[in-house]
C-alpha atoms as a PDB file:
ATOM      1  CA  UNK A   1     -19.433 -10.042  -3.282  1.00  0.00           C
ATOM      2  CA  UNK A   2     -23.117  -9.385  -3.821  1.00  0.00           C
ATOM      3  CA  UNK A   3     -25.078  -7.013  -1.548  1.00  0.00           C
ATOM      4  CA  UNK A   4     -28.690  -6.081  -2.139  1.00  0.00           C
ATOM      5  CA  UNK A   5     -30.356  -3.672   0.302  1.00  0.00           C
ATOM      6  CA  UNK A   6     -33.822  -2.156   0.005  1.00  0.00           C
ATOM      7  CA  UNK A   7     -35.350   0.275   2.510  1.00  0.00           C
ATOM      8  CA  UNK A   8     -39.009   1.389   2.598  1.00  0.00           C
ATOM      9  CA  UNK A   9     -41.094   3.371   5.053  1.00  0.00           C
ATOM     10  CA  UNK A  10     -38.250   5.358   6.652  1.00  0.00           C
ATOM     11  CA  UNK A  11     -38.266   7.253   8.867  1.00  0.00           C
ATOM     12  CA  UNK A  12     -40.809   5.558  11.034  1.00  0.00           C
ATOM     13  CA  UNK A  13     -41.640   1.906  10.445  1.00  0.00           C
ATOM     14  CA  UNK A  14     -38.654   0.859   8.357  1.00  0.00           C
ATOM     15  CA  UNK A  15     -38.664  -2.412   6.459  1.00  0.00           C
ATOM     16  CA  UNK A  16     -35.156  -3.318   5.349  1.00  0.00           C
ATOM     17  CA  UNK A  17     -34.217  -6.245   3.155  1.00  0.00           C
ATOM     18  CA  UNK A  18     -30.580  -7.257   2.706  1.00  0.00           C
ATOM     19  CA  UNK A  19     -28.896 -10.167   0.950  1.00  0.00           C
ATOM     20  CA  UNK A  20     -25.271 -11.244   1.111  1.00  0.00           C
ATOM     21  CA  UNK A  21     -23.724 -13.863  -1.144  1.00  0.00           C
ATOM     22  CA  UNK A  22     -20.094 -15.053  -1.133  1.00  0.00           C
ATOM     23  CA  UNK A  23     -18.663 -12.510   1.309  1.00  0.00           C
ATOM     24  CA  UNK A  24     -15.966 -12.784   3.989  1.00  0.00           C
ATOM     25  CA  UNK A  25     -16.626 -11.325   7.443  1.00  0.00           C
ATOM     26  CA  UNK A  26     -13.430 -12.002   9.360  1.00  0.00           C
ATOM     27  CA  UNK A  27     -11.440 -10.765  12.369  1.00  0.00           C
ATOM     28  CA  UNK A  28     -13.874  -8.117  13.616  1.00  0.00           C
ATOM     29  CA  UNK A  29     -14.432  -7.162  17.268  1.00  0.00           C
ATOM     30  CA  UNK A  30     -17.493  -5.808  19.064  1.00  0.00           C
ATOM     31  CA  UNK A  31     -17.804  -4.789  22.699  1.00  0.00           C
ATOM     32  CA  UNK A  32     -21.490  -5.753  22.477  1.00  0.00           C
ATOM     33  CA  UNK A  33     -23.192  -8.521  20.451  1.00  0.00           C
ATOM     34  CA  UNK A  34     -22.421  -9.700  16.941  1.00  0.00           C
ATOM     35  CA  UNK A  35     -18.728  -9.287  16.286  1.00  0.00           C
ATOM     36  CA  UNK A  36     -19.179 -10.144  12.617  1.00  0.00           C
ATOM     37  CA  UNK A  37     -22.758  -9.075  11.822  1.00  0.00           C
ATOM     38  CA  UNK A  38     -25.548  -7.632  13.947  1.00  0.00           C
ATOM     39  CA  UNK A  39     -29.048  -7.217  12.527  1.00  0.00           C
ATOM     40  CA  UNK A  40     -32.152  -5.709  14.132  1.00  0.00           C
ATOM     41  CA  UNK A  41     -32.675  -3.087  16.814  1.00  0.00           C
ATOM     42  CA  UNK A  42     -35.028  -4.613  19.419  1.00  0.00           C
ATOM     43  CA  UNK A  43     -37.836  -2.107  18.834  1.00  0.00           C
ATOM     44  CA  UNK A  44     -40.453  -4.454  17.335  1.00  0.00           C
ATOM     45  CA  UNK A  45     -40.607  -7.648  15.341  1.00  0.00           C
ATOM     46  CA  UNK A  46     -39.507  -7.492  12.631  1.00  0.00           C
ATOM     47  CA  UNK A  47     -37.246  -4.535  13.303  1.00  0.00           C
ATOM     48  CA  UNK A  48     -35.218  -5.196  10.183  1.00  0.00           C
ATOM     49  CA  UNK A  49     -35.073  -7.750   7.490  1.00  0.00           C
ATOM     50  CA  UNK A  50     -35.585 -10.167   6.281  1.00  0.00           C
ATOM     51  CA  UNK A  51     -31.882 -10.832   5.872  1.00  0.00           C
ATOM     52  CA  UNK A  52     -30.297 -13.614   3.870  1.00  0.00           C
ATOM     53  CA  UNK A  53     -26.710 -14.774   3.449  1.00  0.00           C
ATOM     54  CA  UNK A  54     -25.201 -17.783   1.725  1.00  0.00           C
ATOM     55  CA  UNK A  55     -21.841 -19.267   0.723  1.00  0.00           C
ATOM     56  CA  UNK A  56     -19.996 -16.823   2.955  1.00  0.00           C
ATOM     57  CA  UNK A  57     -17.217 -17.119   5.519  1.00  0.00           C
ATOM     58  CA  UNK A  58     -17.564 -15.795   9.074  1.00  0.00           C
ATOM     59  CA  UNK A  59     -14.519 -16.487  11.220  1.00  0.00           C
ATOM     60  CA  UNK A  60     -12.238 -14.912  13.801  1.00  0.00           C
ATOM     61  CA  UNK A  61     -14.879 -12.458  14.989  1.00  0.00           C
ATOM     62  CA  UNK A  62     -15.196 -11.690  18.708  1.00  0.00           C
ATOM     63  CA  UNK A  63     -17.986 -10.161  20.797  1.00  0.00           C
ATOM     64  CA  UNK A  64     -19.606 -10.320  24.220  1.00  0.00           C
ATOM     65  CA  UNK A  65     -22.120 -12.774  22.678  1.00  0.00           C
ATOM     66  CA  UNK A  66     -22.770 -14.040  19.177  1.00  0.00           C
ATOM     67  CA  UNK A  67     -19.186 -13.790  17.969  1.00  0.00           C
ATOM     68  CA  UNK A  68     -20.085 -14.191  14.275  1.00  0.00           C
ATOM     69  CA  UNK A  69     -23.770 -13.255  14.105  1.00  0.00           C
ATOM     70  CA  UNK A  70     -26.261 -11.519  16.372  1.00  0.00           C
ATOM     71  CA  UNK A  71     -29.942 -11.316  15.432  1.00  0.00           C
ATOM     72  CA  UNK A  72     -32.166  -9.006  17.444  1.00  0.00           C
ATOM     73  CA  UNK A  73     -35.869  -9.153  16.626  1.00  0.00           C
ATOM     74  CA  UNK A  74     -35.793 -10.069  12.936  1.00  0.00           C
ATOM     75  CA  UNK A  75     -35.811 -13.009  10.526  1.00  0.00           C
ATOM     76  CA  UNK A  76     -32.529 -14.189   9.012  1.00  0.00           C
ATOM     77  CA  UNK A  77     -31.898 -17.071   6.642  1.00  0.00           C
ATOM     78  CA  UNK A  78     -28.144 -17.627   6.765  1.00  0.00           C
ATOM     79  CA  UNK A  79     -27.626 -21.069   5.265  1.00  0.00           C
ATOM     80  CA  UNK A  80     -24.672 -22.753   3.545  1.00  0.00           C
ATOM     81  CA  UNK A  81     -22.041 -20.621   5.276  1.00  0.00           C
ATOM     82  CA  UNK A  82     -18.740 -21.495   6.974  1.00  0.00           C
ATOM     83  CA  UNK A  83     -18.885 -20.232  10.572  1.00  0.00           C
ATOM     84  CA  UNK A  84     -15.208 -20.837  11.424  1.00  0.00           C
ATOM     85  CA  UNK A  85     -16.237 -23.960  13.347  1.00  0.00           C
ATOM     86  CA  UNK A  86     -18.265 -27.128  12.870  1.00  0.00           C
ATOM     87  CA  UNK A  87     -20.428 -25.915  15.789  1.00  0.00           C
ATOM     88  CA  UNK A  88     -22.131 -23.024  13.957  1.00  0.00           C
ATOM     89  CA  UNK A  89     -24.755 -22.366  16.640  1.00  0.00           C
ATOM     90  CA  UNK A  90     -22.023 -21.579  19.190  1.00  0.00           C
ATOM     91  CA  UNK A  91     -21.239 -18.384  17.211  1.00  0.00           C
ATOM     92  CA  UNK A  92     -24.855 -17.221  16.696  1.00  0.00           C
ATOM     93  CA  UNK A  93     -26.977 -15.222  19.164  1.00  0.00           C
ATOM     94  CA  UNK A  94     -30.763 -14.805  18.892  1.00  0.00           C
ATOM     95  CA  UNK A  95     -32.294 -12.004  20.971  1.00  0.00           C
ATOM     96  CA  UNK A  96     -35.977 -11.344  21.706  1.00  0.00           C
ATOM     97  CA  UNK A  97     -38.134 -13.042  19.030  1.00  0.00           C
ATOM     98  CA  UNK A  98     -35.369 -13.361  16.431  1.00  0.00           C
ATOM     99  CA  UNK A  99     -35.604 -16.246  13.987  1.00  0.00           C
ATOM    100  CA  UNK A 100     -32.274 -17.390  12.526  1.00  0.00           C
ATOM    101  CA  UNK A 101     -32.230 -20.340  10.133  1.00  0.00           C
ATOM    102  CA  UNK A 102     -28.593 -21.422   9.718  1.00  0.00           C
ATOM    103  CA  UNK A 103     -28.911 -25.143   8.889  1.00  0.00           C
ATOM    104  CA  UNK A 104     -27.423 -26.468   6.610  1.00  0.00           C
ATOM    105  CA  UNK A 105     -23.923 -25.058   7.107  1.00  0.00           C
ATOM    106  CA  UNK A 106     -20.528 -25.909   5.660  1.00  0.00           C
ATOM    107  CA  UNK A 107     -18.276 -28.134   7.785  1.00  0.00           C
ATOM    108  CA  UNK A 108     -14.580 -29.004   7.788  1.00  0.00           C
ATOM    109  CA  UNK A 109     -13.605 -32.666   7.662  1.00  0.00           C
ATOM    110  CA  UNK A 110     -10.173 -34.195   7.178  1.00  0.00           C
ATOM    111  CA  UNK A 111      -8.637 -37.540   6.256  1.00  0.00           C
ATOM    112  CA  UNK A 112      -5.126 -38.862   6.869  1.00  0.00           C
ATOM    113  CA  UNK A 113      -2.962 -40.708   4.365  1.00  0.00           C
ATOM    114  CA  UNK A 114      -1.929 -43.129   5.586  1.00  0.00           C
ATOM    115  CA  UNK A 115      -4.722 -43.342   8.130  1.00  0.00           C
ATOM    116  CA  UNK A 116      -2.688 -45.357  10.640  1.00  0.00           C
ATOM    117  CA  UNK A 117       0.958 -44.641  11.363  1.00  0.00           C
ATOM    118  CA  UNK A 118       3.689 -46.186  13.473  1.00  0.00           C
ATOM    119  CA  UNK A 119       6.228 -44.472  15.716  1.00  0.00           C
ATOM    120  CA  UNK A 120       8.418 -41.974  13.804  1.00  0.00           C
ATOM    121  CA  UNK A 121       6.165 -42.065  10.735  1.00  0.00           C
ATOM    122  CA  UNK A 122       4.026 -39.239   9.470  1.00  0.00           C
ATOM    123  CA  UNK A 123       0.673 -38.804   7.810  1.00  0.00           C
ATOM    124  CA  UNK A 124      -0.596 -36.159   5.393  1.00  0.00           C
ATOM    125  CA  UNK A 125      -3.919 -34.614   6.345  1.00  0.00           C
ATOM    126  CA  UNK A 126      -6.262 -33.322   3.661  1.00  0.00           C
ATOM    127  CA  UNK A 127      -9.035 -30.934   4.637  1.00  0.00           C
ATOM    128  CA  UNK A 128     -12.405 -30.942   2.885  1.00  0.00           C
ATOM    129  CA  UNK A 129     -15.041 -28.195   3.043  1.00  0.00           C
ATOM    130  CA  UNK A 130     -17.134 -29.300   0.087  1.00  0.00           C
ATOM    131  CA  UNK A 131     -20.040 -30.704   2.130  1.00  0.00           C
ATOM    132  CA  UNK A 132     -22.596 -29.391   4.574  1.00  0.00           C
ATOM    133  CA  UNK A 133     -23.381 -30.745   8.035  1.00  0.00           C
ATOM    134  CA  UNK A 134     -25.703 -33.353   6.483  1.00  0.00           C
ATOM    135  CA  UNK A 135     -23.027 -34.676   4.089  1.00  0.00           C
ATOM    136  CA  UNK A 136     -24.597 -33.047   1.016  1.00  0.00           C
ATOM    137  CA  UNK A 137     -22.203 -31.644  -1.605  1.00  0.00           C
ATOM    138  CA  UNK A 138     -22.203 -27.847  -1.591  1.00  0.00           C
ATOM    139  CA  UNK A 139     -20.896 -27.196  -5.114  1.00  0.00           C
ATOM    140  CA  UNK A 140     -17.354 -25.909  -5.545  1.00  0.00           C
ATOM    141  CA  UNK A 141     -18.462 -22.944  -7.687  1.00  0.00           C
ATOM    142  CA  UNK A 142     -20.175 -21.553  -4.557  1.00  0.00           C
ATOM    143  CA  UNK A 143     -17.088 -21.760  -2.344  1.00  0.00           C
ATOM    144  CA  UNK A 144     -14.983 -18.898  -3.724  1.00  0.00           C
ATOM    145  CA  UNK A 145     -14.561 -17.409  -0.215  1.00  0.00           C
ATOM    146  CA  UNK A 146     -13.269 -20.732   1.152  1.00  0.00           C
ATOM    147  CA  UNK A 147     -11.283 -22.601  -1.524  1.00  0.00           C
ATOM    148  CA  UNK A 148      -7.540 -22.314  -1.027  1.00  0.00           C
ATOM    149  CA  UNK A 149      -7.606 -21.177   2.603  1.00  0.00           C
ATOM    150  CA  UNK A 150      -4.856 -22.632   4.794  1.00  0.00           C
ATOM    151  CA  UNK A 151      -5.919 -24.952   7.599  1.00  0.00           C
ATOM    152  CA  UNK A 152      -3.985 -24.949  10.864  1.00  0.00           C
ATOM    153  CA  UNK A 153      -4.150 -27.862  13.289  1.00  0.00           C
ATOM    154  CA  UNK A 154      -2.981 -26.935  16.775  1.00  0.00           C
ATOM    155  CA  UNK A 155      -0.914 -29.284  18.929  1.00  0.00           C
ATOM    156  CA  UNK A 156      -0.928 -32.234  16.546  1.00  0.00           C
ATOM    157  CA  UNK A 157       2.689 -33.349  17.134  1.00  0.00           C
ATOM    158  CA  UNK A 158       2.721 -37.015  18.242  1.00  0.00           C
ATOM    159  CA  UNK A 159      -0.913 -36.800  19.239  1.00  0.00           C
ATOM    160  CA  UNK A 160      -4.445 -36.471  18.042  1.00  0.00           C
ATOM    161  CA  UNK A 161      -6.249 -33.625  16.359  1.00  0.00           C
ATOM    162  CA  UNK A 162      -9.333 -32.456  18.225  1.00  0.00           C
END
């Protein structure tokens, strides 16, 4: 994990810069916004930041809004991350004049072998998280927080996988 934080001008008009690279933010709960990460404080733009994060995993976090990431009044570049879903934006909340750039982001795809099966046959599914939402290779050396994770498909017996 790499964290780099710099603070200037405090107290008063603080200017904070923070960078995260290859971290896991998982299974956290907030009774407000940003179950995984919350940045900013709504006082003035930018109230914190800029913030950057890449090649990280945010999953299983819960909050009133912005389950993985809440940005309040700052600029965040949070690209090439796995958001615990292929619908990254559904876990991100922007408040006030926040600017969050999250695209591209890592997605989960899967393929069956064999692809078509008959009654009472089975298929092996292989998950792949080596590409972003545009189909561009991410680079396996960057995926240390993701490689080797188990994948669970719910309700896939004699049916389809959503």
